[in-house]
Amino acid sequence: MHSSKSSAKRIRPLTDGRIIGRNAVTEALKTGADISKIYVHYSARGNGINDIFSLAKRSGVPISRVDSKQFAELTAGMHADESAQGVVATISKVKFEELETILEAASGKQYPLILILDHIMDPQNFGAILRSAAFFHVDGIIVSKQDQAPVSETVAKASAGGLFHVRIAREANLHQVARLLKERGYWIATSAADAPLMITEVDFRMPIAVIIGNEGSGVRKILREKSDITFSIPRSGRIDSLNVSVATGIICYEIQRQRSEMTGDPGPSSLTQIDGQLPHMKFSGTQQ
């Protein structure tokens, strides 16, 4: 990243990794700062705002309009003499990987496992999924650049450190990602509550990428159509759905169980050091 002293003065992130103000966000975009997302107040208008939208699109940085309440939460803790000017950006807490880097690292494994997160919006769910992924030694996670909870303090805390033990890539088009993975020999799987095929009936001893759907709407149709396998998690109680992070933990466990039975290896025990517990599970939302 190349920046001058003058631009560094204009880019004044708050202690938790926010950049505030039109000029600061513009300069951050121009200098290639690792911005996870930009939020613009719904009433903010003008050439400066248009420039930010153009730069964000060119850089592949997600950008959203928010209402006054949301914007107040995003700018909480600002200094009294600072003005957000209707714009705040969040800086990524981790370095994202290139998709090719993740696939290359996984290529040496007999049965690599990739998770594709299709617009997971809740940061608690995102963090809990990362925790499960680290616990079960998932080879990589692919998230969308749009409509995806950014990596934040909340996500890091919910992941119980798992965030720093998994490889994450951000891609603009998950449909193209699924197509690429199929070309590389991966089978694409999705979970659906009404699927007749039970997860225990699926043979996961193969390179596989599991698509995890949005908390409310599930896996989008365009991605479901790319799936080779659609399975459900069997239930015995009266509740007909699971929180998406809980469902992800169960899916990862079943994949690990099958592969461990084949090899006799109980799995990466070192990862149990993440709080020395099973992955955190938050009981809200729906199974996807």
Protein backbone atom coordinates (compact mmCIF):
# COMPACT_ATOMS: atom_id res chain seq x y z
CA MET A 1 0.00 0.00 0.00
CA HIS A 2 1.43 3.39 -1.01
CA SER A 3 0.44 6.52 0.86
CA SER A 4 1.92 9.89 1.61
CA LYS A 5 2.14 11.58 5.00
CA SER A 6 -0.63 13.95 3.96
CA SER A 7 -3.02 11.15 3.07
CA ALA A 8 -2.13 9.29 6.27
CA LYS A 9 -3.25 12.34 8.25
CA ARG A 10 -6.58 12.39 6.50
CA ILE A 11 -7.21 8.68 7.14
CA ARG A 12 -7.99 8.67 10.86
CA PRO A 13 -9.45 5.33 11.88
CA LEU A 14 -11.07 5.13 15.29
CA THR A 15 -9.67 2.64 17.76
CA ASP A 16 -11.98 -0.15 16.58
CA GLY A 17 -11.08 0.19 12.92
CA ARG A 18 -13.48 2.73 11.42
CA ILE A 19 -12.63 5.45 8.93
CA ILE A 20 -14.92 8.45 9.05
CA GLY A 21 -15.61 11.32 6.67
CA ARG A 22 -15.86 11.65 2.91
CA ASN A 23 -12.26 12.72 2.26
CA ALA A 24 -10.81 10.07 4.55
CA VAL A 25 -12.82 7.25 3.00
CA THR A 26 -12.03 8.50 -0.52
CA GLU A 27 -8.29 8.56 0.22
CA ALA A 28 -8.46 5.13 1.83
CA LEU A 29 -10.07 3.72 -1.32
CA LYS A 30 -7.51 5.40 -3.57
CA THR A 31 -4.56 4.06 -1.56
CA GLY A 32 -5.87 0.50 -1.41
CA ALA A 33 -6.70 0.29 2.29
CA ASP A 34 -8.23 -3.06 3.26
CA ILE A 35 -11.78 -1.80 3.76
CA SER A 36 -14.37 -4.46 4.55
CA LYS A 37 -17.47 -2.31 3.99
CA ILE A 38 -18.64 1.30 3.54
CA TYR A 39 -21.84 2.69 5.05
CA VAL A 40 -23.47 5.84 3.67
CA HIS A 41 -26.30 7.71 5.38
CA TYR A 42 -29.42 7.56 3.22
CA SER A 43 -29.58 11.39 3.00
CA ALA A 44 -25.93 11.89 1.98
CA ARG A 45 -25.66 13.17 -1.58
CA GLY A 46 -23.24 15.06 -3.82
CA ASN A 47 -20.20 14.55 -6.03
CA GLY A 48 -18.10 13.29 -3.13
CA ILE A 49 -20.61 10.54 -2.40
CA ASN A 50 -20.80 9.64 -6.09
CA ASP A 51 -17.00 9.35 -6.18
CA ILE A 52 -17.05 7.03 -3.18
CA PHE A 53 -19.63 4.77 -4.83
CA SER A 54 -17.56 4.68 -8.04
CA LEU A 55 -14.29 3.95 -6.24
CA ALA A 56 -15.93 1.28 -4.09
CA LYS A 57 -17.37 -0.47 -7.15
CA ARG A 58 -14.01 -0.35 -8.91
CA SER A 59 -12.26 -1.78 -5.84
CA GLY A 60 -14.89 -4.43 -5.15
CA VAL A 61 -15.70 -2.97 -1.72
CA PRO A 62 -19.31 -3.50 -0.60
CA ILE A 63 -21.25 -0.31 0.14
CA SER A 64 -24.70 0.17 1.68
CA ARG A 65 -27.13 2.95 2.50
CA VAL A 66 -28.25 3.00 6.15
CA ASP A 67 -30.85 4.93 8.15
CA SER A 68 -30.17 7.44 10.93
CA LYS A 69 -30.33 4.88 13.76
CA GLN A 70 -27.90 2.51 12.06
CA PHE A 71 -25.55 5.35 11.20
CA ALA A 72 -25.57 6.59 14.80
CA GLU A 73 -24.55 3.12 15.97
CA LEU A 74 -21.76 2.98 13.39
CA THR A 75 -20.34 6.34 14.44
CA ALA A 76 -20.68 5.88 18.20
CA GLY A 77 -17.55 7.00 20.04
CA MET A 78 -16.53 9.71 17.58
CA HIS A 79 -14.65 12.71 18.89
CA ALA A 80 -16.83 15.76 19.41
CA ASP A 81 -14.89 17.80 16.83
CA GLU A 82 -15.20 15.19 14.09
CA SER A 83 -17.91 14.97 11.46
CA ALA A 84 -18.71 11.72 9.67
CA GLN A 85 -20.23 13.66 6.74
CA GLY A 86 -22.59 10.76 6.13
CA VAL A 87 -19.85 8.19 5.47
CA VAL A 88 -18.11 5.58 7.60
CA ALA A 89 -15.97 2.65 6.51
CA THR A 90 -14.90 -0.41 8.47
CA ILE A 91 -11.39 -1.79 8.14
CA SER A 92 -10.91 -5.52 7.89
CA LYS A 93 -9.38 -7.13 10.97
CA VAL A 94 -7.78 -9.91 8.96
CA LYS A 95 -6.04 -10.33 5.66
CA PHE A 96 -8.25 -12.04 3.11
CA GLU A 97 -6.73 -14.76 0.95
CA GLU A 98 -6.92 -15.14 -2.79
CA LEU A 99 -9.25 -17.97 -3.80
CA GLU A 100 -6.47 -19.60 -5.80
CA THR A 101 -4.22 -19.55 -2.73
CA ILE A 102 -6.85 -21.41 -0.70
CA LEU A 103 -7.40 -24.01 -3.43
CA GLU A 104 -3.68 -24.52 -3.89
CA ALA A 105 -3.18 -25.04 -0.15
CA ALA A 106 -6.03 -27.58 -0.10
CA SER A 107 -4.89 -29.42 -3.23
CA GLY A 108 -2.56 -31.67 -1.27
CA LYS A 109 -5.40 -33.13 0.77
CA GLN A 110 -7.32 -36.20 -0.32
CA TYR A 111 -10.71 -34.74 0.63
CA PRO A 112 -10.59 -30.96 1.06
CA LEU A 113 -13.57 -29.16 2.58
CA ILE A 114 -14.63 -25.63 1.61
CA LEU A 115 -17.52 -23.61 3.03
CA ILE A 116 -19.29 -21.05 0.82
CA LEU A 117 -21.27 -18.53 2.87
CA ASP A 118 -24.20 -17.17 0.88
CA HIS A 119 -24.90 -13.77 2.45
CA ILE A 120 -24.57 -14.46 6.18
CA MET A 121 -25.67 -11.14 7.65
CA ASP A 122 -25.59 -11.65 11.42
CA PRO A 123 -22.10 -11.10 12.88
CA GLN A 124 -22.76 -13.53 15.74
CA ASN A 125 -23.64 -16.24 13.24
CA PHE A 126 -20.64 -15.41 11.07
CA GLY A 127 -18.32 -15.61 14.08
CA ALA A 128 -19.84 -18.88 15.29
CA ILE A 129 -19.43 -20.40 11.82
CA LEU A 130 -15.77 -19.37 11.79
CA ARG A 131 -15.35 -21.00 15.19
CA SER A 132 -16.81 -24.28 13.93
CA ALA A 133 -14.69 -24.07 10.78
CA ALA A 134 -11.52 -23.69 12.83
CA PHE A 135 -12.54 -26.46 15.21
CA PHE A 136 -13.12 -28.92 12.37
CA HIS A 137 -10.15 -27.71 10.31
CA VAL A 138 -12.10 -26.51 7.27
CA ASP A 139 -9.69 -25.75 4.43
CA GLY A 140 -11.22 -22.44 3.44
CA ILE A 141 -14.23 -20.16 3.65
CA ILE A 142 -15.51 -18.12 0.74
CA VAL A 143 -17.78 -15.14 1.41
CA SER A 144 -19.51 -12.66 -0.85
CA LYS A 145 -18.31 -9.08 -1.21
CA GLN A 146 -21.94 -7.95 -1.08
CA ASP A 147 -24.58 -8.49 1.60
CA GLN A 148 -22.21 -10.23 3.98
CA ALA A 149 -21.45 -9.35 7.60
CA PRO A 150 -18.01 -7.70 7.60
CA VAL A 151 -15.22 -8.97 9.79
CA SER A 152 -15.63 -6.94 12.98
CA GLU A 153 -14.92 -6.98 16.70
CA THR A 154 -18.23 -8.80 17.21
CA VAL A 155 -17.32 -11.46 14.65
CA ALA A 156 -13.86 -11.92 16.14
CA LYS A 157 -15.29 -12.32 19.65
CA ALA A 158 -18.02 -14.75 18.52
CA SER A 159 -15.40 -16.84 16.73
CA ALA A 160 -13.43 -17.28 20.01
CA GLY A 161 -10.21 -16.83 18.05
CA GLY A 162 -11.28 -19.17 15.24
CA LEU A 163 -11.17 -16.19 12.86
CA PHE A 164 -7.38 -16.35 12.95
CA HIS A 165 -7.21 -20.09 12.21
CA VAL A 166 -9.13 -20.22 8.92
CA ARG A 167 -8.45 -18.99 5.42
CA ILE A 168 -11.11 -16.60 4.10
CA ALA A 169 -11.57 -15.32 0.57
CA ARG A 170 -13.99 -12.63 -0.60
CA GLU A 171 -15.47 -13.01 -4.06
CA ALA A 172 -17.90 -10.86 -6.03
CA ASN A 173 -19.72 -13.76 -7.71
CA LEU A 174 -20.38 -16.93 -5.69
CA HIS A 175 -22.06 -18.52 -8.71
CA GLN A 176 -18.76 -18.33 -10.60
CA VAL A 177 -16.96 -19.66 -7.53
CA ALA A 178 -19.22 -22.72 -7.48
CA ARG A 179 -18.62 -23.29 -11.17
CA LEU A 180 -14.85 -23.02 -10.71
CA LEU A 181 -14.88 -25.47 -7.81
CA LYS A 182 -16.82 -28.00 -9.88
CA GLU A 183 -14.22 -27.64 -12.62
CA ARG A 184 -11.54 -28.38 -10.02
CA GLY A 185 -13.21 -31.61 -8.98
CA TYR A 186 -15.25 -30.44 -6.01
CA TRP A 187 -18.79 -31.63 -5.38
CA ILE A 188 -21.18 -28.84 -4.37
CA ALA A 189 -23.60 -29.55 -1.51
CA THR A 190 -26.36 -27.56 0.16
CA SER A 191 -28.57 -28.11 3.18
CA ALA A 192 -32.35 -27.72 3.06
CA ALA A 193 -34.82 -28.55 5.81
CA ASP A 194 -37.18 -30.35 3.43
CA ALA A 195 -34.63 -32.40 1.49
CA PRO A 196 -35.50 -36.13 1.54
CA LEU A 197 -31.82 -37.15 1.60
CA MET A 198 -30.46 -37.22 5.17
CA ILE A 199 -26.98 -35.89 5.86
CA THR A 200 -26.01 -39.31 7.29
CA GLU A 201 -26.83 -40.88 3.92
CA VAL A 202 -24.35 -38.73 2.01
CA ASP A 203 -20.84 -40.06 1.41
CA PHE A 204 -18.60 -37.06 2.11
CA ARG A 205 -15.37 -38.88 1.28
CA MET A 206 -14.65 -36.62 -1.67
CA PRO A 207 -13.55 -33.02 -2.26
CA ILE A 208 -16.60 -31.01 -1.27
CA ALA A 209 -17.81 -27.43 -0.96
CA VAL A 210 -20.86 -26.86 1.23
CA ILE A 211 -22.99 -23.78 0.61
CA ILE A 212 -24.36 -22.24 3.82
CA GLY A 213 -27.43 -20.11 3.19
CA ASN A 214 -28.65 -16.79 4.53
CA GLU A 215 -30.34 -16.79 7.94
CA GLY A 216 -33.75 -15.94 6.53
CA SER A 217 -33.91 -16.82 2.84
CA GLY A 218 -31.50 -19.76 2.72
CA VAL A 219 -29.36 -20.60 -0.29
CA ARG A 220 -30.26 -18.57 -3.35
CA LYS A 221 -31.82 -20.40 -6.30
CA ILE A 222 -28.90 -19.65 -8.62
CA LEU A 223 -26.59 -21.47 -6.19
CA ARG A 224 -29.02 -24.30 -5.42
CA GLU A 225 -29.08 -25.04 -9.13
CA LYS A 226 -25.29 -25.50 -9.03
CA SER A 227 -25.53 -28.06 -6.24
CA ASP A 228 -24.80 -31.73 -6.84
CA ILE A 229 -26.21 -32.82 -3.47
CA THR A 230 -29.00 -31.40 -1.30
CA PHE A 231 -29.43 -32.93 2.14
CA SER A 232 -31.26 -32.26 5.40
CA ILE A 233 -30.38 -32.67 9.07
CA PRO A 234 -32.76 -35.17 10.69
CA ARG A 235 -34.84 -33.89 13.61
CA SER A 236 -36.70 -35.61 16.40
CA GLY A 237 -38.23 -32.65 18.26
CA ARG A 238 -40.99 -30.19 17.52
CA ILE A 239 -38.78 -27.33 16.37
CA ASP A 240 -38.41 -27.59 12.60
CA SER A 241 -35.33 -25.42 12.10
CA LEU A 242 -31.84 -24.73 13.42
CA ASN A 243 -29.76 -21.61 13.68
CA VAL A 244 -27.46 -21.42 10.66
CA SER A 245 -24.30 -21.59 12.77
CA VAL A 246 -25.58 -24.64 14.66
CA ALA A 247 -26.46 -26.34 11.37
CA THR A 248 -22.97 -25.57 10.05
CA GLY A 249 -21.37 -27.14 13.12
CA ILE A 250 -23.44 -30.31 12.66
CA ILE A 251 -22.55 -30.50 8.96
CA CYS A 252 -18.83 -30.11 9.67
CA TYR A 253 -19.05 -32.72 12.43
CA GLU A 254 -20.72 -35.31 10.18
CA ILE A 255 -18.14 -34.75 7.44
CA GLN A 256 -15.32 -35.08 9.98
CA ARG A 257 -16.92 -38.19 11.53
CA GLN A 258 -17.17 -40.01 8.22
CA ARG A 259 -13.63 -39.20 7.21
CA SER A 260 -12.25 -40.09 10.66
CA GLU A 261 -13.93 -43.51 10.53
CA MET A 262 -12.19 -44.18 7.23
CA THR A 263 -8.72 -43.10 8.42
CA GLY A 264 -8.94 -43.87 12.13
CA ASP A 265 -7.87 -40.29 12.83
CA PRO A 266 -10.17 -38.56 15.35
CA GLY A 267 -9.41 -35.19 13.78
CA PRO A 268 -7.26 -32.14 14.52
CA SER A 269 -7.26 -32.23 18.32
CA SER A 270 -5.06 -29.14 18.57
CA LEU A 271 -7.99 -27.04 17.43
CA THR A 272 -9.96 -28.02 20.53
CA GLN A 273 -7.79 -25.48 22.31
CA ILE A 274 -10.21 -22.81 21.15
CA ASP A 275 -11.67 -22.26 24.62
CA GLY A 276 -11.33 -26.04 25.10
CA GLN A 277 -14.99 -26.36 24.14
CA LEU A 278 -17.18 -27.34 21.25
CA PRO A 279 -17.96 -24.49 18.84
CA HIS A 280 -20.21 -21.77 20.24
CA MET A 281 -23.79 -22.14 19.09
CA LYS A 282 -26.35 -19.33 19.25
CA PHE A 283 -29.95 -20.49 19.21
CA SER A 284 -31.76 -18.12 16.89
CA GLY A 285 -32.56 -17.95 13.21
CA THR A 286 -33.13 -20.91 10.90
CA GLN A 287 -31.36 -23.89 9.47
CA GLN A 288 -30.32 -23.43 5.88
